[in-house]
C-alpha atoms as a PDB file:
ATOM      1  CA  MET A   1      -0.022   0.096   0.036  1.00  0.00           C
ATOM      2  CA  THR A   2       1.026   3.710  -0.417  1.00  0.00           C
ATOM      3  CA  ALA A   3       1.721   5.422   2.968  1.00  0.00           C
ATOM      4  CA  LEU A   4       0.302   8.845   3.491  1.00  0.00           C
ATOM      5  CA  ARG A   5       2.536  11.608   4.905  1.00  0.00           C
ATOM      6  CA  ARG A   6       0.178  12.811   7.645  1.00  0.00           C
ATOM      7  CA  LEU A   7      -2.339  10.591   9.240  1.00  0.00           C
ATOM      8  CA  ASP A   8      -4.696  11.026  12.326  1.00  0.00           C
ATOM      9  CA  GLY A   9      -7.888   9.525  13.579  1.00  0.00           C
ATOM     10  CA  TRP A  10      -9.570   6.874  11.643  1.00  0.00           C
ATOM     11  CA  ALA A  11      -7.192   7.163   8.708  1.00  0.00           C
ATOM     12  CA  VAL A  12      -4.487   5.456  10.819  1.00  0.00           C
ATOM     13  CA  GLY A  13      -6.908   2.788  11.694  1.00  0.00           C
ATOM     14  CA  VAL A  14      -7.489   2.070   7.992  1.00  0.00           C
ATOM     15  CA  MET A  15      -3.715   2.049   7.275  1.00  0.00           C
ATOM     16  CA  LEU A  16      -2.862  -0.504   9.894  1.00  0.00           C
ATOM     17  CA  VAL A  17      -5.811  -2.845   9.115  1.00  0.00           C
ATOM     18  CA  GLY A  18      -4.766  -2.856   5.513  1.00  0.00           C
ATOM     19  CA  LEU A  19      -1.270  -4.262   6.249  1.00  0.00           C
ATOM     20  CA  THR A  20      -0.597  -7.939   5.868  1.00  0.00           C
ATOM     21  CA  VAL A  21       2.409  -8.155   8.304  1.00  0.00           C
ATOM     22  CA  SER A  22       2.141 -11.230  10.461  1.00  0.00           C
ATOM     23  CA  PRO A  23       4.511 -13.388  12.320  1.00  0.00           C
ATOM     24  CA  SER A  24       5.538 -16.883  11.501  1.00  0.00           C
ATOM     25  CA  GLY A  25       4.308 -18.469  14.758  1.00  0.00           C
ATOM     26  CA  GLN A  26       0.839 -19.882  15.328  1.00  0.00           C
ATOM     27  CA  LEU A  27      -1.434 -18.838  18.044  1.00  0.00           C
ATOM     28  CA  THR A  28      -4.203 -21.263  19.620  1.00  0.00           C
ATOM     29  CA  ALA A  29      -7.329 -21.591  17.310  1.00  0.00           C
ATOM     30  CA  GLN A  30      -9.713 -19.756  19.630  1.00  0.00           C
ATOM     31  CA  THR A  31      -7.569 -16.516  20.255  1.00  0.00           C
ATOM     32  CA  ASP A  32      -6.473 -16.457  16.493  1.00  0.00           C
ATOM     33  CA  SER A  33      -9.986 -16.733  15.485  1.00  0.00           C
ATOM     34  CA  VAL A  34     -10.927 -13.718  17.816  1.00  0.00           C
ATOM     35  CA  ARG A  35      -8.148 -11.830  16.207  1.00  0.00           C
ATOM     36  CA  ALA A  36      -9.191 -12.751  12.673  1.00  0.00           C
ATOM     37  CA  THR A  37     -12.867 -11.759  13.414  1.00  0.00           C
ATOM     38  CA  ALA A  38     -11.862  -8.370  14.877  1.00  0.00           C
ATOM     39  CA  LEU A  39      -9.594  -7.599  11.728  1.00  0.00           C
ATOM     40  CA  ARG A  40     -12.503  -8.445   9.494  1.00  0.00           C
ATOM     41  CA  VAL A  41     -15.064  -6.494  11.471  1.00  0.00           C
ATOM     42  CA  ALA A  42     -12.780  -3.517  11.635  1.00  0.00           C
ATOM     43  CA  GLN A  43     -13.268  -3.022   7.832  1.00  0.00           C
ATOM     44  CA  THR A  44     -16.900  -1.906   8.434  1.00  0.00           C
ATOM     45  CA  ARG A  45     -17.530  -1.563  12.070  1.00  0.00           C
ATOM     46  CA  PRO A  46     -14.345  -0.567  13.803  1.00  0.00           C
ATOM     47  CA  ASP A  47     -15.867   0.301  17.129  1.00  0.00           C
ATOM     48  CA  SER A  48     -17.141  -3.309  17.510  1.00  0.00           C
ATOM     49  CA  ALA A  49     -13.756  -4.702  16.625  1.00  0.00           C
ATOM     50  CA  ARG A  50     -12.019  -2.663  19.109  1.00  0.00           C
ATOM     51  CA  ALA A  51     -14.552  -3.656  21.887  1.00  0.00           C
ATOM     52  CA  LEU A  52     -13.880  -7.466  20.862  1.00  0.00           C
ATOM     53  CA  VAL A  53     -10.182  -6.905  21.191  1.00  0.00           C
ATOM     54  CA  ARG A  54     -10.534  -4.912  24.475  1.00  0.00           C
ATOM     55  CA  ARG A  55     -12.511  -8.080  25.987  1.00  0.00           C
ATOM     56  CA  LEU A  56      -9.969 -10.374  24.611  1.00  0.00           C
ATOM     57  CA  LEU A  57      -7.119  -8.485  26.438  1.00  0.00           C
ATOM     58  CA  ALA A  58      -9.256  -8.289  29.513  1.00  0.00           C
ATOM     59  CA  ARG A  59      -9.519 -12.235  29.632  1.00  0.00           C
ATOM     60  CA  LEU A  60      -5.680 -12.596  29.013  1.00  0.00           C
ATOM     61  CA  SER A  61      -3.115 -12.254  31.540  1.00  0.00           C
ATOM     62  CA  PRO A  62      -0.120  -9.897  30.545  1.00  0.00           C
ATOM     63  CA  GLN A  63       2.114 -13.070  31.346  1.00  0.00           C
ATOM     64  CA  ASP A  64       0.176 -15.188  28.682  1.00  0.00           C
ATOM     65  CA  SER A  65       2.203 -15.904  25.638  1.00  0.00           C
ATOM     66  CA  LEU A  66      -1.031 -14.993  23.551  1.00  0.00           C
ATOM     67  CA  TYR A  67      -1.050 -11.446  25.069  1.00  0.00           C
ATOM     68  CA  PRO A  68       1.229  -9.840  22.528  1.00  0.00           C
ATOM     69  CA  GLY A  69      -0.639 -10.878  19.630  1.00  0.00           C
ATOM     70  CA  ALA A  70      -3.825  -9.346  21.073  1.00  0.00           C
ATOM     71  CA  LEU A  71      -1.924  -5.987  21.616  1.00  0.00           C
ATOM     72  CA  PHE A  72      -0.589  -6.253  18.033  1.00  0.00           C
ATOM     73  CA  THR A  73      -4.194  -6.602  16.833  1.00  0.00           C
ATOM     74  CA  ALA A  74      -5.265  -3.668  19.063  1.00  0.00           C
ATOM     75  CA  ALA A  75      -2.556  -1.583  17.392  1.00  0.00           C
ATOM     76  CA  ARG A  76      -3.730  -2.296  13.860  1.00  0.00           C
ATOM     77  CA  ILE A  77      -7.132  -1.363  14.448  1.00  0.00           C
ATOM     78  CA  ALA A  78      -6.453   1.680  16.848  1.00  0.00           C
ATOM     79  CA  THR A  79      -8.546   4.799  16.213  1.00  0.00           C
ATOM     80  CA  ASP A  80      -5.429   7.220  16.428  1.00  0.00           C
ATOM     81  CA  ALA A  81      -1.716   7.087  15.731  1.00  0.00           C
ATOM     82  CA  ALA A  82      -0.698   7.517  19.486  1.00  0.00           C
ATOM     83  CA  THR A  83      -2.675   4.438  20.823  1.00  0.00           C
ATOM     84  CA  ALA A  84      -1.278   2.457  17.679  1.00  0.00           C
ATOM     85  CA  ALA A  85       2.133   3.502  18.453  1.00  0.00           C
ATOM     86  CA  THR A  86       1.961   2.762  22.284  1.00  0.00           C
ATOM     87  CA  ASN A  87       0.585  -0.773  21.783  1.00  0.00           C
ATOM     88  CA  LEU A  88       3.228  -1.540  19.165  1.00  0.00           C
ATOM     89  CA  GLN A  89       6.024  -0.132  21.400  1.00  0.00           C
ATOM     90  CA  ARG A  90       4.719  -2.273  24.286  1.00  0.00           C
ATOM     91  CA  VAL A  91       5.124  -5.491  22.162  1.00  0.00           C
ATOM     92  CA  VAL A  92       8.554  -4.584  21.135  1.00  0.00           C
ATOM     93  CA  VAL A  93       9.572  -3.654  24.602  1.00  0.00           C
ATOM     94  CA  GLU A  94       7.748  -6.072  26.782  1.00  0.00           C
ATOM     95  CA  TYR A  95       7.653  -8.871  24.477  1.00  0.00           C
ATOM     96  CA  GLY A  96      10.706  -8.556  22.503  1.00  0.00           C
ATOM     97  CA  ARG A  97      11.083 -12.480  22.353  1.00  0.00           C
ATOM     98  CA  SER A  98       7.619 -12.989  21.040  1.00  0.00           C
ATOM     99  CA  VAL A  99       6.927 -13.842  17.615  1.00  0.00           C
ATOM    100  CA  TRP A 100       5.258 -10.607  17.182  1.00  0.00           C
ATOM    101  CA  ALA A 101       8.093  -8.286  17.979  1.00  0.00           C
ATOM    102  CA  ASP A 102       9.456  -7.973  14.566  1.00  0.00           C
ATOM    103  CA  SER A 103       5.999  -7.485  12.931  1.00  0.00           C
ATOM    104  CA  ALA A 104       5.473  -4.594  15.453  1.00  0.00           C
ATOM    105  CA  LEU A 105       8.708  -2.828  14.342  1.00  0.00           C
ATOM    106  CA  VAL A 106       7.762  -3.056  10.741  1.00  0.00           C
ATOM    107  CA  LEU A 107       4.472  -1.495  11.516  1.00  0.00           C
ATOM    108  CA  LEU A 108       6.214   1.239  13.492  1.00  0.00           C
ATOM    109  CA  THR A 109       8.442   2.108  10.659  1.00  0.00           C
ATOM    110  CA  GLN A 110       5.429   2.691   8.433  1.00  0.00           C
ATOM    111  CA  LEU A 111       3.520   4.513  11.107  1.00  0.00           C
ATOM    112  CA  TYR A 112       6.355   6.825  11.842  1.00  0.00           C
ATOM    113  CA  PHE A 113       6.989   7.442   8.205  1.00  0.00           C
ATOM    114  CA  ALA A 114       3.429   8.229   7.563  1.00  0.00           C
ATOM    115  CA  GLN A 115       3.636  10.803  10.489  1.00  0.00           C
ATOM    116  CA  GLY A 116       6.479  12.600   8.660  1.00  0.00           C
ATOM    117  CA  ASP A 117       9.020  11.462  11.482  1.00  0.00           C
ATOM    118  CA  PRO A 118      12.080  10.045   9.608  1.00  0.00           C
ATOM    119  CA  ALA A 119      14.406   9.856  12.523  1.00  0.00           C
ATOM    120  CA  ALA A 120      11.897   7.611  14.484  1.00  0.00           C
ATOM    121  CA  THR A 121      11.591   5.630  11.121  1.00  0.00           C
ATOM    122  CA  VAL A 122      15.231   5.093  10.848  1.00  0.00           C
ATOM    123  CA  GLN A 123      15.284   4.021  14.655  1.00  0.00           C
ATOM    124  CA  ALA A 124      12.628   1.377  14.168  1.00  0.00           C
ATOM    125  CA  ALA A 125      14.119   0.082  11.128  1.00  0.00           C
ATOM    126  CA  GLU A 126      17.616  -0.325  12.410  1.00  0.00           C
ATOM    127  CA  ARG A 127      16.337  -1.713  15.650  1.00  0.00           C
ATOM    128  CA  LEU A 128      14.845  -4.597  13.547  1.00  0.00           C
ATOM    129  CA  ARG A 129      17.936  -5.135  11.428  1.00  0.00           C
ATOM    130  CA  ARG A 130      19.964  -5.329  14.717  1.00  0.00           C
ATOM    131  CA  ASP A 131      17.847  -7.268  16.841  1.00  0.00           C
ATOM    132  CA  TYR A 132      16.084  -9.620  14.303  1.00  0.00           C
ATOM    133  CA  PRO A 133      18.583 -10.080  11.571  1.00  0.00           C
ATOM    134  CA  ASP A 134      17.018 -13.143  10.379  1.00  0.00           C
ATOM    135  CA  SER A 135      13.470 -11.907  10.350  1.00  0.00           C
ATOM    136  CA  PRO A 136      11.642 -12.448   6.865  1.00  0.00           C
ATOM    137  CA  LEU A 137      10.151  -8.954   7.403  1.00  0.00           C
ATOM    138  CA  LYS A 138      13.584  -7.311   7.294  1.00  0.00           C
ATOM    139  CA  PRO A 139      13.319  -6.284   3.694  1.00  0.00           C
ATOM    140  CA  ARG A 140      10.069  -4.446   4.638  1.00  0.00           C
ATOM    141  CA  ALA A 141      11.718  -2.355   7.339  1.00  0.00           C
ATOM    142  CA  ASP A 142      14.765  -1.857   5.046  1.00  0.00           C
ATOM    143  CA  PHE A 143      12.450  -0.302   2.622  1.00  0.00           C
ATOM    144  CA  TRP A 144      10.836   2.147   4.838  1.00  0.00           C
ATOM    145  CA  GLY A 145      14.216   2.785   6.802  1.00  0.00           C
ATOM    146  CA  ALA A 146      15.671   3.789   3.282  1.00  0.00           C
ATOM    147  CA  ARG A 147      12.989   6.153   2.471  1.00  0.00           C
ATOM    148  CA  ALA A 148      13.464   7.880   5.812  1.00  0.00           C
ATOM    149  CA  TYR A 149      17.245   8.084   5.231  1.00  0.00           C
ATOM    150  CA  PHE A 150      16.724   9.601   2.038  1.00  0.00           C
ATOM    151  CA  ASP A 151      14.306  12.217   3.460  1.00  0.00           C
ATOM    152  CA  LEU A 152      17.206  12.951   5.920  1.00  0.00           C
ATOM    153  CA  LYS A 153      19.592  13.503   2.963  1.00  0.00           C
ATOM    154  CA  ASP A 154      21.542  10.388   3.727  1.00  0.00           C
ATOM    155  CA  ASP A 155      21.668   8.665   0.465  1.00  0.00           C
ATOM    156  CA  ALA A 156      24.691   6.382   1.492  1.00  0.00           C
ATOM    157  CA  HIS A 157      22.582   4.676   4.177  1.00  0.00           C
ATOM    158  CA  GLY A 158      19.525   5.030   2.217  1.00  0.00           C
ATOM    159  CA  CYS A 159      21.028   3.148  -0.784  1.00  0.00           C
ATOM    160  CA  GLY A 160      22.538   0.437   1.318  1.00  0.00           C
ATOM    161  CA  LEU A 161      18.950  -0.380   2.935  1.00  0.00           C
ATOM    162  CA  ILE A 162      17.487  -0.251  -0.651  1.00  0.00           C
ATOM    163  CA  ARG A 163      19.888  -2.764  -1.862  1.00  0.00           C
ATOM    164  CA  GLU A 164      19.160  -5.064   1.226  1.00  0.00           C
ATOM    165  CA  ALA A 165      15.409  -4.657   0.430  1.00  0.00           C
ATOM    166  CA  LEU A 166      15.771  -5.448  -3.062  1.00  0.00           C
ATOM    167  CA  ASP A 167      17.936  -8.630  -2.496  1.00  0.00           C
ATOM    168  CA  GLY A 168      15.337  -9.912  -0.057  1.00  0.00           C
ATOM    169  CA  ALA A 169      12.260  -8.974  -2.222  1.00  0.00           C
ATOM    170  CA  GLY A 170      11.827 -12.753  -3.368  1.00  0.00           C
ATOM    171  CA  ASN A 171       9.136 -13.369  -5.653  1.00  0.00           C
ATOM    172  CA  ASP A 172       6.911 -10.324  -4.436  1.00  0.00           C
ATOM    173  CA  VAL A 173       6.584  -8.482  -7.824  1.00  0.00           C
ATOM    174  CA  GLU A 174       4.646  -5.414  -6.421  1.00  0.00           C
ATOM    175  CA  PHE A 175       7.165  -4.932  -3.424  1.00  0.00           C
ATOM    176  CA  LYS A 176      10.176  -5.458  -5.859  1.00  0.00           C
ATOM    177  CA  ASN A 177       8.631  -2.723  -8.145  1.00  0.00           C
ATOM    178  CA  GLN A 178       8.404  -0.322  -5.205  1.00  0.00           C
ATOM    179  CA  VAL A 179      12.022  -0.944  -4.223  1.00  0.00           C
ATOM    180  CA  SER A 180      13.233  -0.582  -7.777  1.00  0.00           C
ATOM    181  CA  PHE A 181      11.657   2.638  -8.160  1.00  0.00           C
ATOM    182  CA  TYR A 182      13.913   3.991  -5.228  1.00  0.00           C
ATOM    183  CA  ALA A 183      16.842   1.945  -6.225  1.00  0.00           C
ATOM    184  CA  SER A 184      17.095   3.872  -9.460  1.00  0.00           C
ATOM    185  CA  ARG A 185      18.482   6.833  -7.571  1.00  0.00           C
ATOM    186  CA  CYS A 186      21.357   4.646  -6.302  1.00  0.00           C
ATOM    187  CA  PRO A 187      23.832   3.954  -9.368  1.00  0.00           C
ATOM    188  CA  THR A 188      26.003   2.303  -6.734  1.00  0.00           C
ATOM    189  CA  THR A 189      24.823   0.834  -3.613  1.00  0.00           C
ATOM    190  CA  PRO A 190      27.473   0.216  -1.040  1.00  0.00           C
ATOM    191  CA  SER A 191      26.944  -1.844   1.979  1.00  0.00           C
ATOM    192  CA  ILE A 192      25.869  -0.232   5.040  1.00  0.00           C
ATOM    193  CA  PRO A 193      28.805   0.191   7.567  1.00  0.00           C
ATOM    194  CA  PRO A 194      27.742  -1.113  11.176  1.00  0.00           C
ATOM    195  CA  PRO A 195      27.403   1.499  13.927  1.00  0.00           C
ATOM    196  CA  THR A 196      30.822   2.482  15.062  1.00  0.00           C
ATOM    197  CA  VAL A 197      31.641   1.259  18.694  1.00  0.00           C
ATOM    198  CA  SER A 198      34.404   2.893  20.565  1.00  0.00           C
ATOM    199  CA  GLY A 199      37.044   0.772  22.308  1.00  0.00           C
ATOM    200  CA  ALA A 200      35.712   1.949  25.733  1.00  0.00           C
ATOM    201  CA  ASP A 201      32.139   1.221  25.037  1.00  0.00           C
ATOM    202  CA  SER A 202      32.812  -2.283  23.545  1.00  0.00           C
ATOM    203  CA  GLN A 203      34.073  -3.202  26.951  1.00  0.00           C
ATOM    204  CA  SER A 204      30.626  -3.498  28.055  1.00  0.00           C
ATOM    205  CA  LYS A 205      29.972  -6.341  25.809  1.00  0.00           C
ATOM    206  CA  THR A 206      33.029  -8.412  26.837  1.00  0.00           C
ATOM    207  CA  ALA A 207      32.840  -8.211  30.543  1.00  0.00           C
ATOM    208  CA  THR A 208      32.495 -11.740  32.094  1.00  0.00           C
ATOM    209  CA  PRO A 209      30.111 -12.053  35.357  1.00  0.00           C
ATOM    210  CA  THR A 210      31.326 -13.790  38.310  1.00  0.00           C
ATOM    211  CA  ALA A 211      29.699 -16.664  39.932  1.00  0.00           C
ATOM    212  CA  GLY A 212      28.742 -14.662  43.034  1.00  0.00           C
ATOM    213  CA  GLY A 213      26.735 -11.932  41.033  1.00  0.00           C
ATOM    214  CA  VAL A 214      27.436  -8.984  38.622  1.00  0.00           C
ATOM    215  CA  TYR A 215      27.092  -5.404  38.435  1.00  0.00           C
ATOM    216  CA  SER A 216      24.996  -3.268  36.154  1.00  0.00           C
ATOM    217  CA  VAL A 217      24.222   0.400  35.513  1.00  0.00           C
ATOM    218  CA  GLN A 218      20.599   1.592  35.738  1.00  0.00           C
ATOM    219  CA  VAL A 219      19.920   4.256  33.386  1.00  0.00           C
ATOM    220  CA  LEU A 220      16.242   4.894  33.702  1.00  0.00           C
ATOM    221  CA  ALA A 221      13.083   3.694  35.666  1.00  0.00           C
ATOM    222  CA  VAL A 222       9.837   4.665  34.112  1.00  0.00           C
ATOM    223  CA  LYS A 223       6.087   3.330  33.854  1.00  0.00           C
ATOM    224  CA  GLY A 224       5.747   3.773  30.131  1.00  0.00           C
ATOM    225  CA  ALA A 225       7.190   1.799  27.474  1.00  0.00           C
ATOM    226  CA  ALA A 226       7.563   4.701  24.960  1.00  0.00           C
ATOM    227  CA  GLN A 227      10.639   6.262  26.705  1.00  0.00           C
ATOM    228  CA  VAL A 228      12.278   2.848  27.095  1.00  0.00           C
ATOM    229  CA  ASP A 229      12.225   2.035  23.378  1.00  0.00           C
ATOM    230  CA  ASP A 230      13.903   5.206  22.550  1.00  0.00           C
ATOM    231  CA  LEU A 231      16.540   4.839  25.251  1.00  0.00           C
ATOM    232  CA  LEU A 232      17.326   1.356  24.297  1.00  0.00           C
ATOM    233  CA  THR A 233      17.873   2.246  20.797  1.00  0.00           C
ATOM    234  CA  ARG A 234      20.258   4.976  21.580  1.00  0.00           C
ATOM    235  CA  LEU A 235      22.129   3.000  23.953  1.00  0.00           C
ATOM    236  CA  LYS A 236      22.494   0.125  21.734  1.00  0.00           C
ATOM    237  CA  VAL A 237      23.642   2.290  18.718  1.00  0.00           C
ATOM    238  CA  MET A 238      26.376   3.562  21.132  1.00  0.00           C
ATOM    239  CA  GLY A 239      27.503   0.040  21.689  1.00  0.00           C
ATOM    240  CA  PHE A 240      26.231  -0.592  25.166  1.00  0.00           C
ATOM    241  CA  ASP A 241      24.717  -4.001  26.171  1.00  0.00           C
ATOM    242  CA  ALA A 242      21.347  -2.400  27.126  1.00  0.00           C
ATOM    243  CA  ARG A 243      18.130  -4.421  28.353  1.00  0.00           C
ATOM    244  CA  VAL A 244      14.996  -3.738  30.124  1.00  0.00           C
ATOM    245  CA  VAL A 245      14.053  -5.299  33.675  1.00  0.00           C
ATOM    246  CA  ARG A 246      10.473  -5.168  34.812  1.00  0.00           C
ATOM    247  CA  ASP A 247      10.023  -5.194  38.604  1.00  0.00           C
ATOM    248  CA  THR A 248       6.979  -6.375  40.669  1.00  0.00           C
ATOM    249  CA  SER A 249       5.708  -2.813  40.844  1.00  0.00           C
ATOM    250  CA  GLY A 250       5.555  -2.466  37.163  1.00  0.00           C
ATOM    251  CA  LEU A 251       8.411  -0.116  36.550  1.00  0.00           C
ATOM    252  CA  PHE A 252      10.455  -0.566  33.225  1.00  0.00           C
ATOM    253  CA  LYS A 253      14.304  -0.302  34.281  1.00  0.00           C
ATOM    254  CA  VAL A 254      16.708   0.265  31.504  1.00  0.00           C
ATOM    255  CA  ARG A 255      20.053  -1.350  32.630  1.00  0.00           C
ATOM    256  CA  VAL A 256      23.395  -1.776  30.974  1.00  0.00           C
ATOM    257  CA  GLY A 257      26.044  -4.557  31.093  1.00  0.00           C
ATOM    258  CA  HIS A 258      26.894  -7.444  33.239  1.00  0.00           C
ATOM    259  CA  TYR A 259      30.072  -6.384  34.835  1.00  0.00           C
ATOM    260  CA  ALA A 260      32.394  -8.564  36.974  1.00  0.00           C
ATOM    261  CA  THR A 261      33.431  -5.806  39.154  1.00  0.00           C
ATOM    262  CA  ARG A 262      32.061  -2.584  40.678  1.00  0.00           C
ATOM    263  CA  ASP A 263      34.854  -0.662  39.059  1.00  0.00           C
ATOM    264  CA  GLU A 264      34.011  -1.671  35.604  1.00  0.00           C
ATOM    265  CA  ALA A 265      30.229  -0.807  36.075  1.00  0.00           C
ATOM    266  CA  GLN A 266      31.506   2.613  37.420  1.00  0.00           C
ATOM    267  CA  GLN A 267      33.568   3.205  34.472  1.00  0.00           C
ATOM    268  CA  ALA A 268      30.691   2.423  32.349  1.00  0.00           C
ATOM    269  CA  GLN A 269      28.333   4.759  34.424  1.00  0.00           C
ATOM    270  CA  ARG A 270      30.808   7.498  33.863  1.00  0.00           C
ATOM    271  CA  ARG A 271      30.571   7.126  29.968  1.00  0.00           C
ATOM    272  CA  ILE A 272      26.904   6.794  30.001  1.00  0.00           C
ATOM    273  CA  LYS A 273      26.360  10.096  32.123  1.00  0.00           C
ATOM    274  CA  THR A 274      28.954  11.828  29.833  1.00  0.00           C
ATOM    275  CA  ARG A 275      27.013  10.871  26.659  1.00  0.00           C
ATOM    276  CA  LEU A 276      23.532  10.952  27.833  1.00  0.00           C
ATOM    277  CA  GLY A 277      23.456  12.992  31.078  1.00  0.00           C
ATOM    278  CA  GLY A 278      20.883  12.005  33.607  1.00  0.00           C
ATOM    279  CA  GLN A 279      21.677  10.002  36.899  1.00  0.00           C
ATOM    280  CA  PRO A 280      22.792   6.463  35.980  1.00  0.00           C
ATOM    281  CA  PHE A 281      23.840   4.375  39.003  1.00  0.00           C
ATOM    282  CA  VAL A 282      25.660   1.188  39.680  1.00  0.00           C
ATOM    283  CA  VAL A 283      23.417  -1.802  40.930  1.00  0.00           C
ATOM    284  CA  GLU A 284      24.213  -5.218  41.998  1.00  0.00           C
ATOM    285  CA  GLU A 285      22.360  -8.098  40.499  1.00  0.00           C
ATOM    286  CA  PRO A 286      22.265 -11.638  42.070  1.00  0.00           C
END
């Protein structure tokens, strides 16, 4: 489909319902049937479809493996861009190991691009490439990421992503034609260099934890997933081993590294504070 530059309200719902992105995994027949029904009903009775998905989410526990699929469906039929983005971000941040995470990132690339936010589009596309390099959806994220890079006047990275998208288009003639249109602006398409990681930052990836416990640096603790997603992307691009820990109070805690000694963790803390500001601090984990 062709993305619109500015969307709000029901237009966003139509955009997301029309997408065919879906994970390779299978849900239980009953839950999958509810999801499919909601998507079908949303074409003509969107309010009824949203009510159906709300009831499904109310029945499921957030710890249920089926929960991220229901969140993903809620995003596809959301009435506004903010709700859609929040649900998709929750899938990525809270359920990053589910079969829905890469699908959510692809939808985020399209949603951000449609809103005219190329920087956020690039973040989502690069996160999919980094965290899910073997995803069959990567060419789709490459395509939207490339278009965003072109908007940012970064043709070098844009052309690299376009080449990856073209190589992964397979037998999808329509998608291949879309990609080829943009590939025509790239007479040569060099491969994309990976994000540079300074020697100091790369140490956070190689520290070996001790048997008695490890040290980490806590960078942020918030209740909302949106801030977490942005910070994780920034930290990982900088080369830090960042992750999310959710405690019993429901807070999302962004932490960096598994350091064998407190001194190593304090070195990382100082680097993070210099580059990002804030009040990062060292914590000991069991």
